Amino acid sequence: GVAPRTVTFLASSRWRGVRGAVGPDSPVPK
């Protein structure tokens, strides 16, 4: 599960760059 979990996290990080990361007041992972 390492590869799919990593890909999912990195992909969601890019997607959350538009919506905000952990919360609207937290930084977006680059």
Full PDB file with SEQRES, HELIX, SHEET, SSBOND, CRYST1, ORIGX, SCALE, CONECT and MASTER records, all heavy atoms in Angstrom:
SEQRES   1 A   30  GLY VAL ALA PRO ARG THR VAL THR PHE LEU ALA SER SER          
SEQRES   2 A   30  ARG TRP ARG GLY VAL ARG GLY ALA VAL GLY PRO ASP SER          
SEQRES   3 A   30  PRO VAL PRO LYS                                              
HELIX    1 AA1 VAL A    2  ARG A   19  1                                  18    
CRYST1    1.000    1.000    1.000  90.00  90.00  90.00 P 1           1          
ORIGX1      1.000000  0.000000  0.000000        0.00000                         
ORIGX2      0.000000  1.000000  0.000000        0.00000                         
ORIGX3      0.000000  0.000000  1.000000        0.00000                         
SCALE1      1.000000  0.000000  0.000000        0.00000                         
SCALE2      0.000000  1.000000  0.000000        0.00000                         
SCALE3      0.000000  0.000000  1.000000        0.00000                         
ATOM      1  N   GLY A   1       0.789  -1.223   0.000  1.00  0.00           N  
ATOM      2  CA  GLY A   1       0.000   0.000   0.000  1.00  0.00           C  
ATOM      3  C   GLY A   1       0.819   1.270   0.000  1.00  0.00           C  
ATOM      4  O   GLY A   1       0.253   2.369  -0.090  1.00  0.00           O  
ATOM      5  N   VAL A   2       2.147   1.150   0.095  1.00  0.00           N  
ATOM      6  CA  VAL A   2       2.993   2.338   0.197  1.00  0.00           C  
ATOM      7  C   VAL A   2       2.848   3.223  -1.038  1.00  0.00           C  
ATOM      8  O   VAL A   2       2.617   4.432  -0.937  1.00  0.00           O  
ATOM      9  CB  VAL A   2       4.467   1.947   0.405  1.00  0.00           C  
ATOM     10  CG1 VAL A   2       5.382   3.163   0.224  1.00  0.00           C  
ATOM     11  CG2 VAL A   2       4.659   1.349   1.795  1.00  0.00           C  
ATOM     12  N   ALA A   3       2.993   2.647  -2.228  1.00  0.00           N  
ATOM     13  CA  ALA A   3       2.948   3.441  -3.460  1.00  0.00           C  
ATOM     14  C   ALA A   3       1.596   4.127  -3.657  1.00  0.00           C  
ATOM     15  O   ALA A   3       1.543   5.342  -3.872  1.00  0.00           O  
ATOM     16  CB  ALA A   3       3.304   2.572  -4.663  1.00  0.00           C  
ATOM     17  N   PRO A   4       0.469   3.397  -3.580  1.00  0.00           N  
ATOM     18  CA  PRO A   4      -0.812   4.080  -3.793  1.00  0.00           C  
ATOM     19  C   PRO A   4      -1.108   5.145  -2.747  1.00  0.00           C  
ATOM     20  O   PRO A   4      -1.671   6.204  -3.057  1.00  0.00           O  
ATOM     21  CB  PRO A   4      -1.850   2.951  -3.759  1.00  0.00           C  
ATOM     22  CG  PRO A   4      -1.156   1.769  -3.186  1.00  0.00           C  
ATOM     23  CD  PRO A   4       0.289   1.920  -3.496  1.00  0.00           C  
ATOM     24  N   ARG A   5      -0.729   4.907  -1.481  1.00  0.00           N  
ATOM     25  CA  ARG A   5      -0.980   5.909  -0.438  1.00  0.00           C  
ATOM     26  C   ARG A   5      -0.142   7.160  -0.689  1.00  0.00           C  
ATOM     27  O   ARG A   5      -0.612   8.289  -0.485  1.00  0.00           O  
ATOM     28  CB  ARG A   5      -0.683   5.326   0.952  1.00  0.00           C  
ATOM     29  CG  ARG A   5      -1.758   4.373   1.447  1.00  0.00           C  
ATOM     30  CD  ARG A   5      -1.320   3.672   2.730  1.00  0.00           C  
ATOM     31  NE  ARG A   5      -1.175   4.601   3.828  1.00  0.00           N  
ATOM     32  CZ  ARG A   5      -2.125   4.872   4.719  1.00  0.00           C  
ATOM     33  NH1 ARG A   5      -3.317   4.316   4.590  1.00  0.00           N  
ATOM     34  NH2 ARG A   5      -1.908   5.694   5.714  1.00  0.00           N  
ATOM     35  N   THR A   6       1.094   6.955  -1.138  1.00  0.00           N  
ATOM     36  CA  THR A   6       1.958   8.096  -1.424  1.00  0.00           C  
ATOM     37  C   THR A   6       1.404   8.909  -2.589  1.00  0.00           C  
ATOM     38  O   THR A   6       1.314  10.143  -2.526  1.00  0.00           O  
ATOM     39  CB  THR A   6       3.385   7.615  -1.751  1.00  0.00           C  
ATOM     40  OG1 THR A   6       3.914   6.919  -0.617  1.00  0.00           O  
ATOM     41  CG2 THR A   6       4.288   8.789  -2.097  1.00  0.00           C  
ATOM     42  N   VAL A   7       1.038   8.205  -3.669  1.00  0.00           N  
ATOM     43  CA  VAL A   7       0.509   8.894  -4.847  1.00  0.00           C  
ATOM     44  C   VAL A   7      -0.769   9.647  -4.492  1.00  0.00           C  
ATOM     45  O   VAL A   7      -0.971  10.794  -4.905  1.00  0.00           O  
ATOM     46  CB  VAL A   7       0.269   7.893  -5.989  1.00  0.00           C  
ATOM     47  CG1 VAL A   7      -0.501   8.554  -7.124  1.00  0.00           C  
ATOM     48  CG2 VAL A   7       1.597   7.337  -6.489  1.00  0.00           C  
ATOM     49  N   THR A   8      -1.645   9.017  -3.718  1.00  0.00           N  
ATOM     50  CA  THR A   8      -2.900   9.662  -3.340  1.00  0.00           C  
ATOM     51  C   THR A   8      -2.648  10.931  -2.538  1.00  0.00           C  
ATOM     52  O   THR A   8      -3.269  11.973  -2.778  1.00  0.00           O  
ATOM     53  CB  THR A   8      -3.761   8.690  -2.510  1.00  0.00           C  
ATOM     54  OG1 THR A   8      -4.076   7.548  -3.303  1.00  0.00           O  
ATOM     55  CG2 THR A   8      -5.047   9.361  -2.045  1.00  0.00           C  
ATOM     56  N   PHE A   9      -1.712  10.857  -1.579  1.00  0.00           N  
ATOM     57  CA  PHE A   9      -1.419  12.033  -0.763  1.00  0.00           C  
ATOM     58  C   PHE A   9      -0.838  13.165  -1.609  1.00  0.00           C  
ATOM     59  O   PHE A   9      -1.266  14.320  -1.498  1.00  0.00           O  
ATOM     60  CB  PHE A   9      -0.431  11.674   0.348  1.00  0.00           C  
ATOM     61  CG  PHE A   9       0.055  12.866   1.125  1.00  0.00           C  
ATOM     62  CD1 PHE A   9      -0.752  13.461   2.080  1.00  0.00           C  
ATOM     63  CD2 PHE A   9       1.307  13.402   0.894  1.00  0.00           C  
ATOM     64  CE1 PHE A   9      -0.323  14.573   2.799  1.00  0.00           C  
ATOM     65  CE2 PHE A   9       1.748  14.512   1.604  1.00  0.00           C  
ATOM     66  CZ  PHE A   9       0.940  15.098   2.559  1.00  0.00           C  
ATOM     67  N   LEU A  10       0.128  12.839  -2.470  1.00  0.00           N  
ATOM     68  CA  LEU A  10       0.755  13.881  -3.276  1.00  0.00           C  
ATOM     69  C   LEU A  10      -0.240  14.488  -4.263  1.00  0.00           C  
ATOM     70  O   LEU A  10      -0.260  15.706  -4.482  1.00  0.00           O  
ATOM     71  CB  LEU A  10       1.964  13.313  -4.010  1.00  0.00           C  
ATOM     72  CG  LEU A  10       3.124  12.842  -3.105  1.00  0.00           C  
ATOM     73  CD1 LEU A  10       4.213  12.186  -3.939  1.00  0.00           C  
ATOM     74  CD2 LEU A  10       3.693  14.000  -2.304  1.00  0.00           C  
ATOM     75  N   ALA A  11      -1.074  13.635  -4.857  1.00  0.00           N  
ATOM     76  CA  ALA A  11      -2.072  14.151  -5.799  1.00  0.00           C  
ATOM     77  C   ALA A  11      -3.093  15.036  -5.088  1.00  0.00           C  
ATOM     78  O   ALA A  11      -3.469  16.100  -5.588  1.00  0.00           O  
ATOM     79  CB  ALA A  11      -2.779  12.987  -6.496  1.00  0.00           C  
ATOM     80  N   SER A  12      -3.533  14.611  -3.919  1.00  0.00           N  
ATOM     81  CA  SER A  12      -4.514  15.420  -3.183  1.00  0.00           C  
ATOM     82  C   SER A  12      -3.886  16.721  -2.710  1.00  0.00           C  
ATOM     83  O   SER A  12      -4.569  17.741  -2.606  1.00  0.00           O  
ATOM     84  CB  SER A  12      -5.070  14.643  -1.991  1.00  0.00           C  
ATOM     85  OG  SER A  12      -4.058  14.384  -1.037  1.00  0.00           O  
ATOM     86  N   SER A  13      -2.567  16.708  -2.435  1.00  0.00           N  
ATOM     87  CA  SER A  13      -1.887  17.932  -2.022  1.00  0.00           C  
ATOM     88  C   SER A  13      -1.913  18.957  -3.144  1.00  0.00           C  
ATOM     89  O   SER A  13      -2.145  20.151  -2.922  1.00  0.00           O  
ATOM     90  CB  SER A  13      -0.444  17.632  -1.606  1.00  0.00           C  
ATOM     91  OG  SER A  13      -0.401  16.801  -0.470  1.00  0.00           O  
ATOM     92  N   ARG A  14      -1.691  18.510  -4.375  1.00  0.00           N  
ATOM     93  CA  ARG A  14      -1.754  19.421  -5.513  1.00  0.00           C  
ATOM     94  C   ARG A  14      -3.174  19.941  -5.697  1.00  0.00           C  
ATOM     95  O   ARG A  14      -3.392  21.132  -5.930  1.00  0.00           O  
ATOM     96  CB  ARG A  14      -1.286  18.713  -6.789  1.00  0.00           C  
ATOM     97  CG  ARG A  14       0.202  18.381  -6.798  1.00  0.00           C  
ATOM     98  CD  ARG A  14       0.569  17.640  -8.067  1.00  0.00           C  
ATOM     99  NE  ARG A  14       0.358  18.484  -9.243  1.00  0.00           N  
ATOM    100  CZ  ARG A  14       1.260  19.311  -9.750  1.00  0.00           C  
ATOM    101  NH1 ARG A  14       2.449  19.422  -9.184  1.00  0.00           N  
ATOM    102  NH2 ARG A  14       1.001  20.040 -10.809  1.00  0.00           N  
ATOM    103  N   TRP A  15      -4.154  19.056  -5.550  1.00  0.00           N  
ATOM    104  CA  TRP A  15      -5.551  19.455  -5.712  1.00  0.00           C  
ATOM    105  C   TRP A  15      -5.977  20.421  -4.613  1.00  0.00           C  
ATOM    106  O   TRP A  15      -6.640  21.413  -4.857  1.00  0.00           O  
ATOM    107  CB  TRP A  15      -6.436  18.215  -5.694  1.00  0.00           C  
ATOM    108  CG  TRP A  15      -7.900  18.522  -5.762  1.00  0.00           C  
ATOM    109  CD1 TRP A  15      -8.595  19.038  -6.824  1.00  0.00           C  
ATOM    110  CD2 TRP A  15      -8.866  18.324  -4.725  1.00  0.00           C  
ATOM    111  NE1 TRP A  15      -9.927  19.170  -6.512  1.00  0.00           N  
ATOM    112  CE2 TRP A  15     -10.120  18.734  -5.226  1.00  0.00           C  
ATOM    113  CE3 TRP A  15      -8.786  17.823  -3.426  1.00  0.00           C  
ATOM    114  CZ2 TRP A  15     -11.281  18.667  -4.474  1.00  0.00           C  
ATOM    115  CZ3 TRP A  15      -9.945  17.760  -2.677  1.00  0.00           C  
ATOM    116  CH2 TRP A  15     -11.166  18.181  -3.209  1.00  0.00           C  
ATOM    117  N   ARG A  16      -5.509  20.145  -3.381  1.00  0.00           N  
ATOM    118  CA  ARG A  16      -5.881  21.002  -2.271  1.00  0.00           C  
ATOM    119  C   ARG A  16      -5.206  22.365  -2.362  1.00  0.00           C  
ATOM    120  O   ARG A  16      -5.546  23.275  -1.620  1.00  0.00           O  
ATOM    121  CB  ARG A  16      -5.517  20.331  -0.940  1.00  0.00           C  
ATOM    122  CG  ARG A  16      -6.447  19.184  -0.589  1.00  0.00           C  
ATOM    123  CD  ARG A  16      -6.107  18.589   0.752  1.00  0.00           C  
ATOM    124  NE  ARG A  16      -4.753  18.074   0.784  1.00  0.00           N  
ATOM    125  CZ  ARG A  16      -4.217  17.493   1.861  1.00  0.00           C  
ATOM    126  NH1 ARG A  16      -4.906  17.388   2.966  1.00  0.00           N  
ATOM    127  NH2 ARG A  16      -2.976  17.039   1.813  1.00  0.00           N  
ATOM    128  N   GLY A  17      -4.244  22.509  -3.258  1.00  0.00           N  
ATOM    129  CA  GLY A  17      -3.630  23.814  -3.438  1.00  0.00           C  
ATOM    130  C   GLY A  17      -4.642  24.850  -3.869  1.00  0.00           C  
ATOM    131  O   GLY A  17      -4.470  26.040  -3.639  1.00  0.00           O  
ATOM    132  N   VAL A  18      -5.740  24.429  -4.499  1.00  0.00           N  
ATOM    133  CA  VAL A  18      -6.792  25.347  -4.908  1.00  0.00           C  
ATOM    134  C   VAL A  18      -7.780  25.568  -3.760  1.00  0.00           C  
ATOM    135  O   VAL A  18      -8.276  26.663  -3.549  1.00  0.00           O  
ATOM    136  CB  VAL A  18      -7.539  24.783  -6.141  1.00  0.00           C  
ATOM    137  CG1 VAL A  18      -8.645  25.728  -6.572  1.00  0.00           C  
ATOM    138  CG2 VAL A  18      -6.550  24.550  -7.282  1.00  0.00           C  
ATOM    139  N   ARG A  19      -8.026  24.529  -2.986  1.00  0.00           N  
ATOM    140  CA  ARG A  19      -9.072  24.582  -1.963  1.00  0.00           C  
ATOM    141  C   ARG A  19      -8.539  24.875  -0.562  1.00  0.00           C  
ATOM    142  O   ARG A  19      -9.304  25.037   0.363  1.00  0.00           O  
ATOM    143  CB  ARG A  19      -9.796  23.231  -1.911  1.00  0.00           C  
ATOM    144  CG  ARG A  19     -10.380  22.767  -3.212  1.00  0.00           C  
ATOM    145  CD  ARG A  19     -10.986  21.381  -3.073  1.00  0.00           C  
ATOM    146  NE  ARG A  19     -12.049  21.350  -2.067  1.00  0.00           N  
ATOM    147  CZ  ARG A  19     -11.941  20.743  -0.902  1.00  0.00           C  
ATOM    148  NH1 ARG A  19     -10.829  20.125  -0.578  1.00  0.00           N  
ATOM    149  NH2 ARG A  19     -12.937  20.750  -0.047  1.00  0.00           N  
ATOM    150  N   GLY A  20      -7.241  24.864  -0.382  1.00  0.00           N  
ATOM    151  CA  GLY A  20      -6.688  24.933   0.960  1.00  0.00           C  
ATOM    152  C   GLY A  20      -6.258  23.542   1.378  1.00  0.00           C  
ATOM    153  O   GLY A  20      -6.830  22.555   0.953  1.00  0.00           O  
ATOM    154  N   ALA A  21      -5.217  23.444   2.185  1.00  0.00           N  
ATOM    155  CA  ALA A  21      -4.654  22.142   2.542  1.00  0.00           C  
ATOM    156  C   ALA A  21      -5.398  21.526   3.723  1.00  0.00           C  
ATOM    157  O   ALA A  21      -6.564  21.161   3.616  1.00  0.00           O  
ATOM    158  CB  ALA A  21      -3.172  22.284   2.847  1.00  0.00           C  
ATOM    159  N   VAL A  22      -4.751  21.382   4.856  1.00  0.00           N  
ATOM    160  CA  VAL A  22      -5.405  20.777   6.018  1.00  0.00           C  
ATOM    161  C   VAL A  22      -6.608  21.612   6.429  1.00  0.00           C  
ATOM    162  O   VAL A  22      -7.638  21.108   6.836  1.00  0.00           O  
ATOM    163  CB  VAL A  22      -4.390  20.675   7.181  1.00  0.00           C  
ATOM    164  CG1 VAL A  22      -5.080  20.186   8.433  1.00  0.00           C  
ATOM    165  CG2 VAL A  22      -3.253  19.750   6.785  1.00  0.00           C  
ATOM    166  N   GLY A  23      -6.470  22.905   6.317  1.00  0.00           N  
ATOM    167  CA  GLY A  23      -7.544  23.842   6.611  1.00  0.00           C  
ATOM    168  C   GLY A  23      -7.285  25.118   5.847  1.00  0.00           C  
ATOM    169  O   GLY A  23      -6.187  25.320   5.331  1.00  0.00           O  
ATOM    170  N   PRO A  24      -8.244  26.012   5.770  1.00  0.00           N  
ATOM    171  CA  PRO A  24      -8.050  27.240   5.008  1.00  0.00           C  
ATOM    172  C   PRO A  24      -6.954  28.132   5.579  1.00  0.00           C  
ATOM    173  O   PRO A  24      -6.473  29.027   4.904  1.00  0.00           O  
ATOM    174  CB  PRO A  24      -9.429  27.928   5.095  1.00  0.00           C  
ATOM    175  CG  PRO A  24     -10.073  27.331   6.306  1.00  0.00           C  
ATOM    176  CD  PRO A  24      -9.577  25.927   6.379  1.00  0.00           C  
ATOM    177  N   ASP A  25      -6.554  27.858   6.861  1.00  0.00           N  
ATOM    178  CA  ASP A  25      -5.542  28.679   7.492  1.00  0.00           C  
ATOM    179  C   ASP A  25      -4.219  27.943   7.649  1.00  0.00           C  
ATOM    180  O   ASP A  25      -3.370  28.325   8.439  1.00  0.00           O  
ATOM    181  CB  ASP A  25      -6.027  29.151   8.873  1.00  0.00           C  
ATOM    182  CG  ASP A  25      -6.790  28.049   9.598  1.00  0.00           C  
ATOM    183  OD1 ASP A  25      -6.580  26.873   9.272  1.00  0.00           O  
ATOM    184  OD2 ASP A  25      -7.604  28.374  10.475  1.00  0.00           O  
ATOM    185  N   SER A  26      -4.024  26.852   6.911  1.00  0.00           N  
ATOM    186  CA  SER A  26      -2.769  26.104   6.974  1.00  0.00           C  
ATOM    187  C   SER A  26      -2.089  26.129   5.611  1.00  0.00           C  
ATOM    188  O   SER A  26      -2.755  26.269   4.583  1.00  0.00           O  
ATOM    189  CB  SER A  26      -3.034  24.653   7.391  1.00  0.00           C  
ATOM    190  OG  SER A  26      -3.823  23.997   6.431  1.00  0.00           O  
ATOM    191  N   PRO A  27      -0.759  25.993   5.584  1.00  0.00           N  
ATOM    192  CA  PRO A  27      -0.046  26.081   4.312  1.00  0.00           C  
ATOM    193  C   PRO A  27      -0.257  24.852   3.444  1.00  0.00           C  
ATOM    194  O   PRO A  27      -0.538  23.764   3.924  1.00  0.00           O  
ATOM    195  CB  PRO A  27       1.418  26.195   4.749  1.00  0.00           C  
ATOM    196  CG  PRO A  27       1.464  25.525   6.072  1.00  0.00           C  
ATOM    197  CD  PRO A  27       0.146  25.805   6.722  1.00  0.00           C  
ATOM    198  N   VAL A  28      -0.121  25.046   2.155  1.00  0.00           N  
ATOM    199  CA  VAL A  28      -0.286  23.965   1.191  1.00  0.00           C  
ATOM    200  C   VAL A  28       1.059  23.269   0.982  1.00  0.00           C  
ATOM    201  O   VAL A  28       2.064  23.928   0.766  1.00  0.00           O  
ATOM    202  CB  VAL A  28      -0.777  24.519  -0.159  1.00  0.00           C  
ATOM    203  CG1 VAL A  28      -0.891  23.407  -1.188  1.00  0.00           C  
ATOM    204  CG2 VAL A  28      -2.105  25.226   0.028  1.00  0.00           C  
ATOM    205  N   PRO A  29       1.105  21.931   1.090  1.00  0.00           N  
ATOM    206  CA  PRO A  29       2.355  21.247   0.803  1.00  0.00           C  
ATOM    207  C   PRO A  29       2.782  21.480  -0.644  1.00  0.00           C  
ATOM    208  O   PRO A  29       1.983  21.316  -1.568  1.00  0.00           O  
ATOM    209  CB  PRO A  29       2.023  19.767   1.038  1.00  0.00           C  
ATOM    210  CG  PRO A  29       0.777  19.763   1.841  1.00  0.00           C  
ATOM    211  CD  PRO A  29       0.023  20.998   1.440  1.00  0.00           C  
ATOM    212  N   LYS A  30       4.008  21.893  -0.839  1.00  0.00           N  
ATOM    213  CA  LYS A  30       4.538  22.054  -2.185  1.00  0.00           C  
ATOM    214  C   LYS A  30       5.131  20.724  -2.622  1.00  0.00           C  
ATOM    215  O   LYS A  30       6.081  20.222  -2.029  1.00  0.00           O  
ATOM    216  CB  LYS A  30       5.608  23.149  -2.221  1.00  0.00           C  
ATOM    217  CG  LYS A  30       6.133  23.419  -3.621  1.00  0.00           C  
ATOM    218  CD  LYS A  30       7.163  24.553  -3.609  1.00  0.00           C  
ATOM    219  CE  LYS A  30       7.681  24.813  -5.030  1.00  0.00           C  
ATOM    220  NZ  LYS A  30       8.703  25.905  -5.036  1.00  0.00           N  
TER     221      LYS A  30                                                      
MASTER        0    0    0    1    0    0    0    6  220    1    0    3          
END                                                                             
